[in-house]
Amino acid sequence: MNSLNIYTKLETLPANLKQEVSDFIDFLMQRSSSKKKKIVPQFGSAKGKIKMSSDFDAPIDDFKEYM
């Protein structure tokens, strides 16, 4: 849909609905601008939150028949 089609449809609306369309456009612009703020993780921020078991590299009993 191009801008001309949107404008043509908008011009056929009564004044109160034009205001609603304007408010909705403002809402969409605000929502799209808030999504642009990307959170960048800081190096080391998960330190101490992840723990590996001591037998992590040990063979798994369920796969013995395949080895």
PDB file of N, CA and C in Angstrom:
ATOM      1  N   MET A   1       0.857  -1.170   0.000  1.00  0.00           N
ATOM      2  CA  MET A   1       0.000   0.000   0.000  1.00  0.00           C
ATOM      3  C   MET A   1       0.903   1.233   0.000  1.00  0.00           C
ATOM      4  N   ASN A   2       0.635   2.140  -0.890  1.00  0.00           N
ATOM      5  CA  ASN A   2       1.471   3.332  -0.958  1.00  0.00           C
ATOM      6  C   ASN A   2       0.819   4.509  -0.218  1.00  0.00           C
ATOM      7  N   SER A   3       1.549   5.588  -0.105  1.00  0.00           N
ATOM      8  CA  SER A   3       1.090   6.750   0.660  1.00  0.00           C
ATOM      9  C   SER A   3      -0.134   7.414   0.044  1.00  0.00           C
ATOM     10  N   LEU A   4      -0.215   7.398  -1.267  1.00  0.00           N
ATOM     11  CA  LEU A   4      -1.356   8.028  -1.928  1.00  0.00           C
ATOM     12  C   LEU A   4      -2.659   7.312  -1.582  1.00  0.00           C
ATOM     13  N   ASN A   5      -2.632   5.977  -1.552  1.00  0.00           N
ATOM     14  CA  ASN A   5      -3.831   5.218  -1.172  1.00  0.00           C
ATOM     15  C   ASN A   5      -4.238   5.519   0.270  1.00  0.00           C
ATOM     16  N   ILE A   6      -3.266   5.591   1.135  1.00  0.00           N
ATOM     17  CA  ILE A   6      -3.550   5.875   2.546  1.00  0.00           C
ATOM     18  C   ILE A   6      -4.137   7.279   2.688  1.00  0.00           C
ATOM     19  N   TYR A   7      -3.541   8.230   1.996  1.00  0.00           N
ATOM     20  CA  TYR A   7      -4.022   9.608   2.075  1.00  0.00           C
ATOM     21  C   TYR A   7      -5.449   9.722   1.525  1.00  0.00           C
ATOM     22  N   THR A   8      -5.728   9.028   0.442  1.00  0.00           N
ATOM     23  CA  THR A   8      -7.068   9.062  -0.149  1.00  0.00           C
ATOM     24  C   THR A   8      -8.105   8.506   0.814  1.00  0.00           C
ATOM     25  N   LYS A   9      -7.777   7.417   1.454  1.00  0.00           N
ATOM     26  CA  LYS A   9      -8.698   6.832   2.438  1.00  0.00           C
ATOM     27  C   LYS A   9      -8.873   7.760   3.634  1.00  0.00           C
ATOM     28  N   LEU A  10      -7.780   8.373   4.064  1.00  0.00           N
ATOM     29  CA  LEU A  10      -7.828   9.271   5.212  1.00  0.00           C
ATOM     30  C   LEU A  10      -8.724  10.478   4.933  1.00  0.00           C
ATOM     31  N   GLU A  11      -8.671  11.002   3.742  1.00  0.00           N
ATOM     32  CA  GLU A  11      -9.462  12.173   3.393  1.00  0.00           C
ATOM     33  C   GLU A  11     -10.961  11.883   3.385  1.00  0.00           C
ATOM     34  N   THR A  12     -11.360  10.629   3.246  1.00  0.00           N
ATOM     35  CA  THR A  12     -12.789  10.299   3.227  1.00  0.00           C
ATOM     36  C   THR A  12     -13.364  10.134   4.635  1.00  0.00           C
ATOM     37  N   LEU A  13     -12.517  10.129   5.636  1.00  0.00           N
ATOM     38  CA  LEU A  13     -12.977   9.941   7.015  1.00  0.00           C
ATOM     39  C   LEU A  13     -13.497  11.234   7.618  1.00  0.00           C
ATOM     40  N   PRO A  14     -14.446  11.118   8.551  1.00  0.00           N
ATOM     41  CA  PRO A  14     -14.879  12.317   9.286  1.00  0.00           C
ATOM     42  C   PRO A  14     -13.785  12.792  10.246  1.00  0.00           C
ATOM     43  N   ALA A  15     -13.912  14.008  10.729  1.00  0.00           N
ATOM     44  CA  ALA A  15     -12.871  14.646  11.559  1.00  0.00           C
ATOM     45  C   ALA A  15     -12.538  13.848  12.817  1.00  0.00           C
ATOM     46  N   ASN A  16     -13.563  13.281  13.475  1.00  0.00           N
ATOM     47  CA  ASN A  16     -13.273  12.553  14.716  1.00  0.00           C
ATOM     48  C   ASN A  16     -12.456  11.288  14.441  1.00  0.00           C
ATOM     49  N   LEU A  17     -12.699  10.625  13.308  1.00  0.00           N
ATOM     50  CA  LEU A  17     -11.921   9.438  12.975  1.00  0.00           C
ATOM     51  C   LEU A  17     -10.518   9.800  12.503  1.00  0.00           C
ATOM     52  N   LYS A  18     -10.374  10.957  11.890  1.00  0.00           N
ATOM     53  CA  LYS A  18      -9.030  11.423  11.514  1.00  0.00           C
ATOM     54  C   LYS A  18      -8.171  11.617  12.757  1.00  0.00           C
ATOM     55  N   GLN A  19      -8.782  12.117  13.822  1.00  0.00           N
ATOM     56  CA  GLN A  19      -8.054  12.296  15.073  1.00  0.00           C
ATOM     57  C   GLN A  19      -7.619  10.947  15.644  1.00  0.00           C
ATOM     58  N   GLU A  20      -8.497   9.947  15.557  1.00  0.00           N
ATOM     59  CA  GLU A  20      -8.140   8.606  16.036  1.00  0.00           C
ATOM     60  C   GLU A  20      -6.989   8.026  15.223  1.00  0.00           C
ATOM     61  N   VAL A  21      -7.023   8.237  13.919  1.00  0.00           N
ATOM     62  CA  VAL A  21      -5.936   7.763  13.061  1.00  0.00           C
ATOM     63  C   VAL A  21      -4.636   8.456  13.441  1.00  0.00           C
ATOM     64  N   SER A  22      -4.706   9.747  13.687  1.00  0.00           N
ATOM     65  CA  SER A  22      -3.521  10.499  14.091  1.00  0.00           C
ATOM     66  C   SER A  22      -2.957   9.974  15.410  1.00  0.00           C
ATOM     67  N   ASP A  23      -3.831   9.710  16.370  1.00  0.00           N
ATOM     68  CA  ASP A  23      -3.392   9.165  17.656  1.00  0.00           C
ATOM     69  C   ASP A  23      -2.752   7.789  17.474  1.00  0.00           C
ATOM     70  N   PHE A  24      -3.330   6.984  16.598  1.00  0.00           N
ATOM     71  CA  PHE A  24      -2.789   5.644  16.367  1.00  0.00           C
ATOM     72  C   PHE A  24      -1.419   5.719  15.694  1.00  0.00           C
ATOM     73  N   ILE A  25      -1.250   6.649  14.775  1.00  0.00           N
ATOM     74  CA  ILE A  25       0.052   6.831  14.137  1.00  0.00           C
ATOM     75  C   ILE A  25       1.087   7.253  15.168  1.00  0.00           C
ATOM     76  N   ASP A  26       0.714   8.161  16.074  1.00  0.00           N
ATOM     77  CA  ASP A  26       1.621   8.568  17.148  1.00  0.00           C
ATOM     78  C   ASP A  26       2.005   7.373  18.022  1.00  0.00           C
ATOM     79  N   PHE A  27       1.033   6.525  18.318  1.00  0.00           N
ATOM     80  CA  PHE A  27       1.290   5.327  19.118  1.00  0.00           C
ATOM     81  C   PHE A  27       2.272   4.405  18.405  1.00  0.00           C
ATOM     82  N   LEU A  28       2.065   4.180  17.114  1.00  0.00           N
ATOM     83  CA  LEU A  28       2.961   3.306  16.352  1.00  0.00           C
ATOM     84  C   LEU A  28       4.371   3.878  16.285  1.00  0.00           C
ATOM     85  N   MET A  29       4.484   5.178  16.128  1.00  0.00           N
ATOM     86  CA  MET A  29       5.806   5.809  16.077  1.00  0.00           C
ATOM     87  C   MET A  29       6.523   5.679  17.418  1.00  0.00           C
ATOM     88  N   GLN A  30       5.785   5.845  18.495  1.00  0.00           N
ATOM     89  CA  GLN A  30       6.379   5.717  19.823  1.00  0.00           C
ATOM     90  C   GLN A  30       6.829   4.282  20.070  1.00  0.00           C
ATOM     91  N   ARG A  31       6.010   3.316  19.675  1.00  0.00           N
ATOM     92  CA  ARG A  31       6.338   1.905  19.870  1.00  0.00           C
ATOM     93  C   ARG A  31       7.548   1.510  19.039  1.00  0.00           C
ATOM     94  N   SER A  32       7.633   1.991  17.821  1.00  0.00           N
ATOM     95  CA  SER A  32       8.769   1.625  16.968  1.00  0.00           C
ATOM     96  C   SER A  32      10.058   2.269  17.456  1.00  0.00           C
ATOM     97  N   SER A  33       9.978   3.465  18.028  1.00  0.00           N
ATOM     98  CA  SER A  33      11.190   4.111  18.528  1.00  0.00           C
ATOM     99  C   SER A  33      11.690   3.441  19.802  1.00  0.00           C
ATOM    100  N   SER A  34      10.788   2.870  20.590  1.00  0.00           N
ATOM    101  CA  SER A  34      11.228   2.203  21.816  1.00  0.00           C
ATOM    102  C   SER A  34      11.868   0.858  21.515  1.00  0.00           C
ATOM    103  N   LYS A  35      11.540   0.247  20.398  1.00  0.00           N
ATOM    104  CA  LYS A  35      12.140  -1.034  20.030  1.00  0.00           C
ATOM    105  C   LYS A  35      13.564  -0.860  19.511  1.00  0.00           C
ATOM    106  N   LYS A  36      13.927   0.333  19.106  1.00  0.00           N
ATOM    107  CA  LYS A  36      15.258   0.572  18.576  1.00  0.00           C
ATOM    108  C   LYS A  36      16.313   0.545  19.661  1.00  0.00           C
ATOM    109  N   LYS A  37      15.910   0.755  20.886  1.00  0.00           N
ATOM    110  CA  LYS A  37      16.852   0.735  21.996  1.00  0.00           C
ATOM    111  C   LYS A  37      17.218  -0.718  22.289  1.00  0.00           C
ATOM    112  N   LYS A  38      18.380  -1.115  21.831  1.00  0.00           N
ATOM    113  CA  LYS A  38      18.819  -2.488  21.970  1.00  0.00           C
ATOM    114  C   LYS A  38      19.695  -2.617  23.211  1.00  0.00           C
ATOM    115  N   ILE A  39      19.407  -3.602  24.005  1.00  0.00           N
ATOM    116  CA  ILE A  39      20.184  -3.838  25.213  1.00  0.00           C
ATOM    117  C   ILE A  39      21.436  -4.623  24.823  1.00  0.00           C
ATOM    118  N   VAL A  40      22.574  -4.065  25.141  1.00  0.00           N
ATOM    119  CA  VAL A  40      23.839  -4.720  24.841  1.00  0.00           C
ATOM    120  C   VAL A  40      24.337  -5.389  26.123  1.00  0.00           C
ATOM    121  N   PRO A  41      24.500  -6.714  26.093  1.00  0.00           N
ATOM    122  CA  PRO A  41      24.962  -7.388  27.304  1.00  0.00           C
ATOM    123  C   PRO A  41      26.410  -6.997  27.630  1.00  0.00           C
ATOM    124  N   GLN A  42      26.686  -6.888  28.891  1.00  0.00           N
ATOM    125  CA  GLN A  42      28.018  -6.541  29.351  1.00  0.00           C
ATOM    126  C   GLN A  42      28.831  -7.814  29.560  1.00  0.00           C
ATOM    127  N   PHE A  43      30.068  -7.813  29.144  1.00  0.00           N
ATOM    128  CA  PHE A  43      30.941  -8.963  29.300  1.00  0.00           C
ATOM    129  C   PHE A  43      31.103  -9.289  30.784  1.00  0.00           C
ATOM    130  N   GLY A  44      30.850 -10.533  31.128  1.00  0.00           N
ATOM    131  CA  GLY A  44      31.000 -10.990  32.498  1.00  0.00           C
ATOM    132  C   GLY A  44      29.761 -10.807  33.355  1.00  0.00           C
ATOM    133  N   SER A  45      28.663 -10.382  32.782  1.00  0.00           N
ATOM    134  CA  SER A  45      27.466 -10.122  33.577  1.00  0.00           C
ATOM    135  C   SER A  45      26.811 -11.408  34.091  1.00  0.00           C
ATOM    136  N   ALA A  46      27.127 -12.561  33.507  1.00  0.00           N
ATOM    137  CA  ALA A  46      26.554 -13.837  33.962  1.00  0.00           C
ATOM    138  C   ALA A  46      27.530 -14.621  34.833  1.00  0.00           C
ATOM    139  N   LYS A  47      28.603 -13.998  35.239  1.00  0.00           N
ATOM    140  CA  LYS A  47      29.622 -14.677  36.033  1.00  0.00           C
ATOM    141  C   LYS A  47      29.025 -15.175  37.349  1.00  0.00           C
ATOM    142  N   GLY A  48      29.235 -16.456  37.622  1.00  0.00           N
ATOM    143  CA  GLY A  48      28.737 -17.066  38.841  1.00  0.00           C
ATOM    144  C   GLY A  48      27.312 -17.590  38.726  1.00  0.00           C
ATOM    145  N   LYS A  49      26.642 -17.363  37.612  1.00  0.00           N
ATOM    146  CA  LYS A  49      25.262 -17.814  37.452  1.00  0.00           C
ATOM    147  C   LYS A  49      25.175 -19.160  36.743  1.00  0.00           C
ATOM    148  N   ILE A  50      26.245 -19.553  36.063  1.00  0.00           N
ATOM    149  CA  ILE A  50      26.255 -20.809  35.315  1.00  0.00           C
ATOM    150  C   ILE A  50      27.292 -21.728  35.925  1.00  0.00           C
ATOM    151  N   LYS A  51      26.870 -22.937  36.239  1.00  0.00           N
ATOM    152  CA  LYS A  51      27.790 -23.910  36.828  1.00  0.00           C
ATOM    153  C   LYS A  51      27.702 -25.211  36.046  1.00  0.00           C
ATOM    154  N   MET A  52      28.850 -25.800  35.767  1.00  0.00           N
ATOM    155  CA  MET A  52      28.904 -27.077  35.062  1.00  0.00           C
ATOM    156  C   MET A  52      29.237 -28.161  36.067  1.00  0.00           C
ATOM    157  N   SER A  53      28.634 -29.318  35.874  1.00  0.00           N
ATOM    158  CA  SER A  53      28.908 -30.420  36.794  1.00  0.00           C
ATOM    159  C   SER A  53      30.314 -30.959  36.541  1.00  0.00           C
ATOM    160  N   SER A  54      30.875 -31.588  37.538  1.00  0.00           N
ATOM    161  CA  SER A  54      32.252 -32.091  37.427  1.00  0.00           C
ATOM    162  C   SER A  54      32.365 -33.221  36.408  1.00  0.00           C
ATOM    163  N   ASP A  55      31.291 -33.937  36.149  1.00  0.00           N
ATOM    164  CA  ASP A  55      31.344 -35.040  35.183  1.00  0.00           C
ATOM    165  C   ASP A  55      30.766 -34.639  33.823  1.00  0.00           C
ATOM    166  N   PHE A  56      30.914 -33.405  33.463  1.00  0.00           N
ATOM    167  CA  PHE A  56      30.342 -32.899  32.214  1.00  0.00           C
ATOM    168  C   PHE A  56      30.868 -33.651  30.990  1.00  0.00           C
ATOM    169  N   ASP A  57      32.165 -33.944  30.976  1.00  0.00           N
ATOM    170  CA  ASP A  57      32.771 -34.624  29.827  1.00  0.00           C
ATOM    171  C   ASP A  57      32.698 -36.143  29.923  1.00  0.00           C
ATOM    172  N   ALA A  58      32.141 -36.678  30.977  1.00  0.00           N
ATOM    173  CA  ALA A  58      32.049 -38.134  31.139  1.00  0.00           C
ATOM    174  C   ALA A  58      31.045 -38.707  30.138  1.00  0.00           C
ATOM    175  N   PRO A  59      31.318 -39.946  29.680  1.00  0.00           N
ATOM    176  CA  PRO A  59      30.371 -40.562  28.732  1.00  0.00           C
ATOM    177  C   PRO A  59      28.992 -40.756  29.369  1.00  0.00           C
ATOM    178  N   ILE A  60      27.956 -40.643  28.552  1.00  0.00           N
ATOM    179  CA  ILE A  60      26.583 -40.797  29.016  1.00  0.00           C
ATOM    180  C   ILE A  60      26.199 -42.265  28.903  1.00  0.00           C
ATOM    181  N   ASP A  61      25.621 -42.820  29.964  1.00  0.00           N
ATOM    182  CA  ASP A  61      25.274 -44.238  29.995  1.00  0.00           C
ATOM    183  C   ASP A  61      24.295 -44.617  28.884  1.00  0.00           C
ATOM    184  N   ASP A  62      23.406 -43.754  28.513  1.00  0.00           N
ATOM    185  CA  ASP A  62      22.409 -44.056  27.490  1.00  0.00           C
ATOM    186  C   ASP A  62      23.021 -44.287  26.107  1.00  0.00           C
ATOM    187  N   PHE A  63      24.240 -43.791  25.877  1.00  0.00           N
ATOM    188  CA  PHE A  63      24.867 -43.921  24.571  1.00  0.00           C
ATOM    189  C   PHE A  63      25.947 -44.996  24.518  1.00  0.00           C
ATOM    190  N   LYS A  64      26.049 -45.847  25.534  1.00  0.00           N
ATOM    191  CA  LYS A  64      27.080 -46.880  25.567  1.00  0.00           C
ATOM    192  C   LYS A  64      26.985 -47.825  24.383  1.00  0.00           C
ATOM    193  N   GLU A  65      25.790 -48.164  23.951  1.00  0.00           N
ATOM    194  CA  GLU A  65      25.640 -49.108  22.844  1.00  0.00           C
ATOM    195  C   GLU A  65      26.087 -48.511  21.520  1.00  0.00           C
ATOM    196  N   TYR A  66      26.199 -47.219  21.412  1.00  0.00           N
ATOM    197  CA  TYR A  66      26.642 -46.588  20.169  1.00  0.00           C
ATOM    198  C   TYR A  66      28.152 -46.374  20.123  1.00  0.00           C
ATOM    199  N   MET A  67      28.846 -46.596  21.226  1.00  0.00           N
ATOM    200  CA  MET A  67      30.287 -46.375  21.275  1.00  0.00           C
ATOM    201  C   MET A  67      31.045 -47.665  21.070  1.00  0.00           C
TER     202      MET A  67
END
